[in-house]
Amino acid sequence: MTERVRGKQVHEALRQYMRNRPDVGFGKAMRDGMFEAANPFDGKAARSPRRWFVLSCLVSALVFGCFSYFNSLM
């Protein structure tokens, strides 16, 4: 008869699996969404941010600035 596997053991096995696979994960997906595609021939090359990401950051900063400016007047 086989031994039962506990939740903690499964969690540790999944964590180890994800650490061994740097090409999979939430962080990789976030970086791929924010930056241009990576150069497959030069892994250390800098990746520029995508235009929509820069625009959304600027609009968010503008909205926050307007909110904080007009909120302090009251």
PDB file of N, CA and C in Angstrom:
ATOM      1  N   MET A   1       0.838  -1.176   0.000  1.00  0.00           N
ATOM      2  CA  MET A   1       0.000   0.000   0.000  1.00  0.00           C
ATOM      3  C   MET A   1       0.889   1.248   0.000  1.00  0.00           C
ATOM      4  N   THR A   2       0.486   2.263  -0.753  1.00  0.00           N
ATOM      5  CA  THR A   2       1.294   3.475  -0.840  1.00  0.00           C
ATOM      6  C   THR A   2       1.006   4.406   0.328  1.00  0.00           C
ATOM      7  N   GLU A   3       1.968   5.244   0.584  1.00  0.00           N
ATOM      8  CA  GLU A   3       1.865   6.186   1.690  1.00  0.00           C
ATOM      9  C   GLU A   3       1.059   7.413   1.259  1.00  0.00           C
ATOM     10  N   ARG A   4       0.247   7.958   2.148  1.00  0.00           N
ATOM     11  CA  ARG A   4      -0.539   9.151   1.839  1.00  0.00           C
ATOM     12  C   ARG A   4       0.368  10.375   1.790  1.00  0.00           C
ATOM     13  N   VAL A   5       0.069  11.249   0.852  1.00  0.00           N
ATOM     14  CA  VAL A   5       0.839  12.481   0.707  1.00  0.00           C
ATOM     15  C   VAL A   5       0.059  13.616   1.356  1.00  0.00           C
ATOM     16  N   ARG A   6       0.724  14.342   2.204  1.00  0.00           N
ATOM     17  CA  ARG A   6       0.099  15.451   2.926  1.00  0.00           C
ATOM     18  C   ARG A   6       0.139  16.720   2.087  1.00  0.00           C
ATOM     19  N   GLY A   7      -0.684  17.668   2.469  1.00  0.00           N
ATOM     20  CA  GLY A   7      -0.763  18.933   1.752  1.00  0.00           C
ATOM     21  C   GLY A   7       0.543  19.704   1.769  1.00  0.00           C
ATOM     22  N   LYS A   8       1.236  19.689   2.882  1.00  0.00           N
ATOM     23  CA  LYS A   8       2.498  20.402   2.999  1.00  0.00           C
ATOM     24  C   LYS A   8       3.551  19.818   2.050  1.00  0.00           C
ATOM     25  N   GLN A   9       3.545  18.514   1.890  1.00  0.00           N
ATOM     26  CA  GLN A   9       4.492  17.860   0.978  1.00  0.00           C
ATOM     27  C   GLN A   9       4.186  18.221  -0.477  1.00  0.00           C
ATOM     28  N   VAL A  10       2.906  18.280  -0.813  1.00  0.00           N
ATOM     29  CA  VAL A  10       2.513  18.651  -2.173  1.00  0.00           C
ATOM     30  C   VAL A  10       2.890  20.101  -2.446  1.00  0.00           C
ATOM     31  N   HIS A  11       2.643  20.974  -1.476  1.00  0.00           N
ATOM     32  CA  HIS A  11       2.989  22.383  -1.634  1.00  0.00           C
ATOM     33  C   HIS A  11       4.494  22.548  -1.841  1.00  0.00           C
ATOM     34  N   GLU A  12       5.288  21.841  -1.079  1.00  0.00           N
ATOM     35  CA  GLU A  12       6.743  21.918  -1.220  1.00  0.00           C
ATOM     36  C   GLU A  12       7.199  21.375  -2.574  1.00  0.00           C
ATOM     37  N   ALA A  13       6.582  20.309  -3.044  1.00  0.00           N
ATOM     38  CA  ALA A  13       6.940  19.745  -4.352  1.00  0.00           C
ATOM     39  C   ALA A  13       6.585  20.717  -5.482  1.00  0.00           C
ATOM     40  N   LEU A  14       5.422  21.379  -5.394  1.00  0.00           N
ATOM     41  CA  LEU A  14       5.037  22.359  -6.405  1.00  0.00           C
ATOM     42  C   LEU A  14       5.948  23.584  -6.376  1.00  0.00           C
ATOM     43  N   ARG A  15       6.313  24.020  -5.193  1.00  0.00           N
ATOM     44  CA  ARG A  15       7.215  25.161  -5.077  1.00  0.00           C
ATOM     45  C   ARG A  15       8.574  24.837  -5.699  1.00  0.00           C
ATOM     46  N   GLN A  16       9.079  23.661  -5.432  1.00  0.00           N
ATOM     47  CA  GLN A  16      10.365  23.244  -6.008  1.00  0.00           C
ATOM     48  C   GLN A  16      10.263  23.136  -7.526  1.00  0.00           C
ATOM     49  N   TYR A  17       9.150  22.622  -8.036  1.00  0.00           N
ATOM     50  CA  TYR A  17       8.941  22.505  -9.475  1.00  0.00           C
ATOM     51  C   TYR A  17       8.931  23.871 -10.143  1.00  0.00           C
ATOM     52  N   MET A  18       8.251  24.837  -9.525  1.00  0.00           N
ATOM     53  CA  MET A  18       8.183  26.179 -10.101  1.00  0.00           C
ATOM     54  C   MET A  18       9.538  26.883 -10.040  1.00  0.00           C
ATOM     55  N   ARG A  19      10.325  26.632  -9.016  1.00  0.00           N
ATOM     56  CA  ARG A  19      11.660  27.226  -8.945  1.00  0.00           C
ATOM     57  C   ARG A  19      12.588  26.647 -10.007  1.00  0.00           C
ATOM     58  N   ASN A  20      12.382  25.410 -10.380  1.00  0.00           N
ATOM     59  CA  ASN A  20      13.207  24.779 -11.405  1.00  0.00           C
ATOM     60  C   ASN A  20      12.791  25.198 -12.807  1.00  0.00           C
ATOM     61  N   ARG A  21      11.641  25.846 -12.960  1.00  0.00           N
ATOM     62  CA  ARG A  21      11.129  26.260 -14.269  1.00  0.00           C
ATOM     63  C   ARG A  21      10.992  27.780 -14.310  1.00  0.00           C
ATOM     64  N   PRO A  22      12.058  28.507 -14.650  1.00  0.00           N
ATOM     65  CA  PRO A  22      11.966  29.973 -14.685  1.00  0.00           C
ATOM     66  C   PRO A  22      11.123  30.493 -15.841  1.00  0.00           C
ATOM     67  N   ASP A  23      10.789  29.648 -16.809  1.00  0.00           N
ATOM     68  CA  ASP A  23       9.991  30.089 -17.949  1.00  0.00           C
ATOM     69  C   ASP A  23       8.498  30.061 -17.678  1.00  0.00           C
ATOM     70  N   VAL A  24       8.083  29.620 -16.486  1.00  0.00           N
ATOM     71  CA  VAL A  24       6.675  29.515 -16.125  1.00  0.00           C
ATOM     72  C   VAL A  24       6.453  30.315 -14.843  1.00  0.00           C
ATOM     73  N   GLY A  25       5.325  31.006 -14.750  1.00  0.00           N
ATOM     74  CA  GLY A  25       5.000  31.668 -13.503  1.00  0.00           C
ATOM     75  C   GLY A  25       4.344  33.017 -13.693  1.00  0.00           C
ATOM     76  N   PHE A  26       3.828  33.532 -12.609  1.00  0.00           N
ATOM     77  CA  PHE A  26       3.116  34.807 -12.615  1.00  0.00           C
ATOM     78  C   PHE A  26       4.057  35.971 -12.889  1.00  0.00           C
ATOM     79  N   GLY A  27       5.246  35.942 -12.304  1.00  0.00           N
ATOM     80  CA  GLY A  27       6.211  37.012 -12.524  1.00  0.00           C
ATOM     81  C   GLY A  27       6.636  37.109 -13.974  1.00  0.00           C
ATOM     82  N   LYS A  28       6.852  35.978 -14.597  1.00  0.00           N
ATOM     83  CA  LYS A  28       7.209  35.935 -16.020  1.00  0.00           C
ATOM     84  C   LYS A  28       6.075  36.494 -16.869  1.00  0.00           C
ATOM     85  N   ALA A  29       4.849  36.138 -16.549  1.00  0.00           N
ATOM     86  CA  ALA A  29       3.693  36.642 -17.291  1.00  0.00           C
ATOM     87  C   ALA A  29       3.558  38.158 -17.133  1.00  0.00           C
ATOM     88  N   MET A  30       3.796  38.675 -15.946  1.00  0.00           N
ATOM     89  CA  MET A  30       3.719  40.112 -15.716  1.00  0.00           C
ATOM     90  C   MET A  30       4.809  40.851 -16.493  1.00  0.00           C
ATOM     91  N   ARG A  31       6.041  40.338 -16.459  1.00  0.00           N
ATOM     92  CA  ARG A  31       7.123  40.973 -17.207  1.00  0.00           C
ATOM     93  C   ARG A  31       6.856  40.945 -18.705  1.00  0.00           C
ATOM     94  N   ASP A  32       6.328  39.848 -19.206  1.00  0.00           N
ATOM     95  CA  ASP A  32       6.018  39.756 -20.628  1.00  0.00           C
ATOM     96  C   ASP A  32       4.894  40.716 -21.016  1.00  0.00           C
ATOM     97  N   GLY A  33       3.988  40.992 -20.106  1.00  0.00           N
ATOM     98  CA  GLY A  33       2.906  41.916 -20.393  1.00  0.00           C
ATOM     99  C   GLY A  33       3.341  43.374 -20.354  1.00  0.00           C
ATOM    100  N   MET A  34       4.316  43.717 -19.507  1.00  0.00           N
ATOM    101  CA  MET A  34       4.748  45.097 -19.357  1.00  0.00           C
ATOM    102  C   MET A  34       5.849  45.502 -20.332  1.00  0.00           C
ATOM    103  N   PHE A  35       6.696  44.550 -20.733  1.00  0.00           N
ATOM    104  CA  PHE A  35       7.843  44.875 -21.567  1.00  0.00           C
ATOM    105  C   PHE A  35       7.722  44.241 -22.943  1.00  0.00           C
ATOM    106  N   GLU A  36       8.470  44.801 -23.886  1.00  0.00           N
ATOM    107  CA  GLU A  36       8.517  44.248 -25.244  1.00  0.00           C
ATOM    108  C   GLU A  36       9.098  42.837 -25.198  1.00  0.00           C
ATOM    109  N   ALA A  37       8.946  42.110 -26.286  1.00  0.00           N
ATOM    110  CA  ALA A  37       9.418  40.730 -26.349  1.00  0.00           C
ATOM    111  C   ALA A  37      10.933  40.674 -26.150  1.00  0.00           C
ATOM    112  N   ALA A  38      11.367  39.629 -25.467  1.00  0.00           N
ATOM    113  CA  ALA A  38      12.789  39.462 -25.182  1.00  0.00           C
ATOM    114  C   ALA A  38      13.527  39.002 -26.439  1.00  0.00           C
ATOM    115  N   ASN A  39      14.780  39.410 -26.537  1.00  0.00           N
ATOM    116  CA  ASN A  39      15.627  38.977 -27.636  1.00  0.00           C
ATOM    117  C   ASN A  39      16.110  37.561 -27.327  1.00  0.00           C
ATOM    118  N   PRO A  40      15.758  36.571 -28.143  1.00  0.00           N
ATOM    119  CA  PRO A  40      16.166  35.203 -27.827  1.00  0.00           C
ATOM    120  C   PRO A  40      17.663  34.970 -27.978  1.00  0.00           C
ATOM    121  N   PHE A  41      18.365  35.855 -28.680  1.00  0.00           N
ATOM    122  CA  PHE A  41      19.796  35.678 -28.902  1.00  0.00           C
ATOM    123  C   PHE A  41      20.649  36.399 -27.878  1.00  0.00           C
ATOM    124  N   ASP A  42      20.063  37.341 -27.161  1.00  0.00           N
ATOM    125  CA  ASP A  42      20.780  38.089 -26.136  1.00  0.00           C
ATOM    126  C   ASP A  42      19.904  38.166 -24.894  1.00  0.00           C
ATOM    127  N   GLY A  43      20.134  37.276 -23.954  1.00  0.00           N
ATOM    128  CA  GLY A  43      19.306  37.204 -22.758  1.00  0.00           C
ATOM    129  C   GLY A  43      19.481  38.366 -21.806  1.00  0.00           C
ATOM    130  N   LYS A  44      20.582  39.095 -21.904  1.00  0.00           N
ATOM    131  CA  LYS A  44      20.860  40.197 -20.984  1.00  0.00           C
ATOM    132  C   LYS A  44      20.499  41.556 -21.572  1.00  0.00           C
ATOM    133  N   ALA A  45      19.952  41.581 -22.764  1.00  0.00           N
ATOM    134  CA  ALA A  45      19.583  42.853 -23.395  1.00  0.00           C
ATOM    135  C   ALA A  45      18.422  43.493 -22.646  1.00  0.00           C
ATOM    136  N   ALA A  46      18.461  44.829 -22.578  1.00  0.00           N
ATOM    137  CA  ALA A  46      17.396  45.577 -21.892  1.00  0.00           C
ATOM    138  C   ALA A  46      16.115  45.515 -22.716  1.00  0.00           C
ATOM    139  N   ARG A  47      14.993  45.402 -22.022  1.00  0.00           N
ATOM    140  CA  ARG A  47      13.687  45.362 -22.676  1.00  0.00           C
ATOM    141  C   ARG A  47      12.968  46.665 -22.391  1.00  0.00           C
ATOM    142  N   SER A  48      12.527  47.326 -23.450  1.00  0.00           N
ATOM    143  CA  SER A  48      11.821  48.592 -23.258  1.00  0.00           C
ATOM    144  C   SER A  48      10.368  48.324 -22.884  1.00  0.00           C
ATOM    145  N   PRO A  49       9.771  49.241 -22.118  1.00  0.00           N
ATOM    146  CA  PRO A  49       8.367  49.040 -21.727  1.00  0.00           C
ATOM    147  C   PRO A  49       7.429  49.230 -22.917  1.00  0.00           C
ATOM    148  N   ARG A  50       6.297  48.562 -22.863  1.00  0.00           N
ATOM    149  CA  ARG A  50       5.302  48.691 -23.924  1.00  0.00           C
ATOM    150  C   ARG A  50       4.634  50.055 -23.824  1.00  0.00           C
ATOM    151  N   ARG A  51       4.168  50.555 -24.972  1.00  0.00           N
ATOM    152  CA  ARG A  51       3.570  51.885 -25.008  1.00  0.00           C
ATOM    153  C   ARG A  51       2.314  51.970 -24.161  1.00  0.00           C
ATOM    154  N   TRP A  52       1.467  50.948 -24.213  1.00  0.00           N
ATOM    155  CA  TRP A  52       0.220  50.997 -23.450  1.00  0.00           C
ATOM    156  C   TRP A  52       0.501  51.013 -21.953  1.00  0.00           C
ATOM    157  N   PHE A  53       1.586  50.364 -21.522  1.00  0.00           N
ATOM    158  CA  PHE A  53       1.928  50.332 -20.098  1.00  0.00           C
ATOM    159  C   PHE A  53       2.384  51.711 -19.635  1.00  0.00           C
ATOM    160  N   VAL A  54       3.222  52.361 -20.439  1.00  0.00           N
ATOM    161  CA  VAL A  54       3.691  53.704 -20.097  1.00  0.00           C
ATOM    162  C   VAL A  54       2.518  54.680 -20.078  1.00  0.00           C
ATOM    163  N   LEU A  55       1.648  54.583 -21.086  1.00  0.00           N
ATOM    164  CA  LEU A  55       0.487  55.463 -21.143  1.00  0.00           C
ATOM    165  C   LEU A  55      -0.431  55.258 -19.939  1.00  0.00           C
ATOM    166  N   SER A  56      -0.679  54.015 -19.569  1.00  0.00           N
ATOM    167  CA  SER A  56      -1.562  53.757 -18.424  1.00  0.00           C
ATOM    168  C   SER A  56      -0.936  54.255 -17.122  1.00  0.00           C
ATOM    169  N   CYS A  57       0.383  54.159 -16.988  1.00  0.00           N
ATOM    170  CA  CYS A  57       1.044  54.699 -15.791  1.00  0.00           C
ATOM    171  C   CYS A  57       0.926  56.217 -15.732  1.00  0.00           C
ATOM    172  N   LEU A  58       1.113  56.871 -16.885  1.00  0.00           N
ATOM    173  CA  LEU A  58       0.997  58.328 -16.912  1.00  0.00           C
ATOM    174  C   LEU A  58      -0.428  58.789 -16.621  1.00  0.00           C
ATOM    175  N   VAL A  59      -1.416  58.123 -17.204  1.00  0.00           N
ATOM    176  CA  VAL A  59      -2.814  58.490 -16.952  1.00  0.00           C
ATOM    177  C   VAL A  59      -3.174  58.250 -15.491  1.00  0.00           C
ATOM    178  N   SER A  60      -2.699  57.134 -14.927  1.00  0.00           N
ATOM    179  CA  SER A  60      -2.968  56.854 -13.512  1.00  0.00           C
ATOM    180  C   SER A  60      -2.339  57.913 -12.613  1.00  0.00           C
ATOM    181  N   ALA A  61      -1.117  58.322 -12.926  1.00  0.00           N
ATOM    182  CA  ALA A  61      -0.450  59.359 -12.139  1.00  0.00           C
ATOM    183  C   ALA A  61      -1.189  60.689 -12.270  1.00  0.00           C
ATOM    184  N   LEU A  62      -1.668  60.990 -13.463  1.00  0.00           N
ATOM    185  CA  LEU A  62      -2.419  62.230 -13.677  1.00  0.00           C
ATOM    186  C   LEU A  62      -3.729  62.222 -12.892  1.00  0.00           C
ATOM    187  N   VAL A  63      -4.440  61.119 -12.922  1.00  0.00           N
ATOM    188  CA  VAL A  63      -5.701  61.011 -12.178  1.00  0.00           C
ATOM    189  C   VAL A  63      -5.444  61.129 -10.680  1.00  0.00           C
ATOM    190  N   PHE A  64      -4.408  60.459 -10.201  1.00  0.00           N
ATOM    191  CA  PHE A  64      -4.076  60.543  -8.773  1.00  0.00           C
ATOM    192  C   PHE A  64      -3.680  61.963  -8.389  1.00  0.00           C
ATOM    193  N   GLY A  65      -2.886  62.620  -9.258  1.00  0.00           N
ATOM    194  CA  GLY A  65      -2.492  64.003  -8.977  1.00  0.00           C
ATOM    195  C   GLY A  65      -3.677  64.939  -8.943  1.00  0.00           C
ATOM    196  N   CYS A  66      -4.595  64.805  -9.899  1.00  0.00           N
ATOM    197  CA  CYS A  66      -5.799  65.641  -9.905  1.00  0.00           C
ATOM    198  C   CYS A  66      -6.665  65.376  -8.675  1.00  0.00           C
ATOM    199  N   PHE A  67      -6.814  64.113  -8.325  1.00  0.00           N
ATOM    200  CA  PHE A  67      -7.614  63.763  -7.160  1.00  0.00           C
ATOM    201  C   PHE A  67      -7.024  64.358  -5.886  1.00  0.00           C
ATOM    202  N   SER A  68      -5.717  64.201  -5.717  1.00  0.00           N
ATOM    203  CA  SER A  68      -5.099  64.716  -4.493  1.00  0.00           C
ATOM    204  C   SER A  68      -5.091  66.243  -4.467  1.00  0.00           C
ATOM    205  N   TYR A  69      -4.929  66.893  -5.629  1.00  0.00           N
ATOM    206  CA  TYR A  69      -4.943  68.359  -5.668  1.00  0.00           C
ATOM    207  C   TYR A  69      -6.320  68.912  -5.314  1.00  0.00           C
ATOM    208  N   PHE A  70      -7.355  68.394  -5.969  1.00  0.00           N
ATOM    209  CA  PHE A  70      -8.703  68.912  -5.724  1.00  0.00           C
ATOM    210  C   PHE A  70      -9.257  68.446  -4.386  1.00  0.00           C
ATOM    211  N   ASN A  71      -8.767  67.354  -3.868  1.00  0.00           N
ATOM    212  CA  ASN A  71      -9.226  66.880  -2.575  1.00  0.00           C
ATOM    213  C   ASN A  71      -8.671  67.750  -1.455  1.00  0.00           C
ATOM    214  N   SER A  72      -7.506  68.304  -1.648  1.00  0.00           N
ATOM    215  CA  SER A  72      -6.892  69.141  -0.590  1.00  0.00           C
ATOM    216  C   SER A  72      -7.514  70.534  -0.541  1.00  0.00           C
ATOM    217  N   LEU A  73      -8.227  70.939  -1.579  1.00  0.00           N
ATOM    218  CA  LEU A  73      -8.858  72.257  -1.590  1.00  0.00           C
ATOM    219  C   LEU A  73     -10.097  72.318  -0.716  1.00  0.00           C
ATOM    220  N   MET A  74     -10.720  71.222  -0.458  1.00  0.00           N
ATOM    221  CA  MET A  74     -11.974  71.206   0.299  1.00  0.00           C
ATOM    222  C   MET A  74     -11.750  71.358   1.758  1.00  0.00           C
TER     223      MET A  74
END
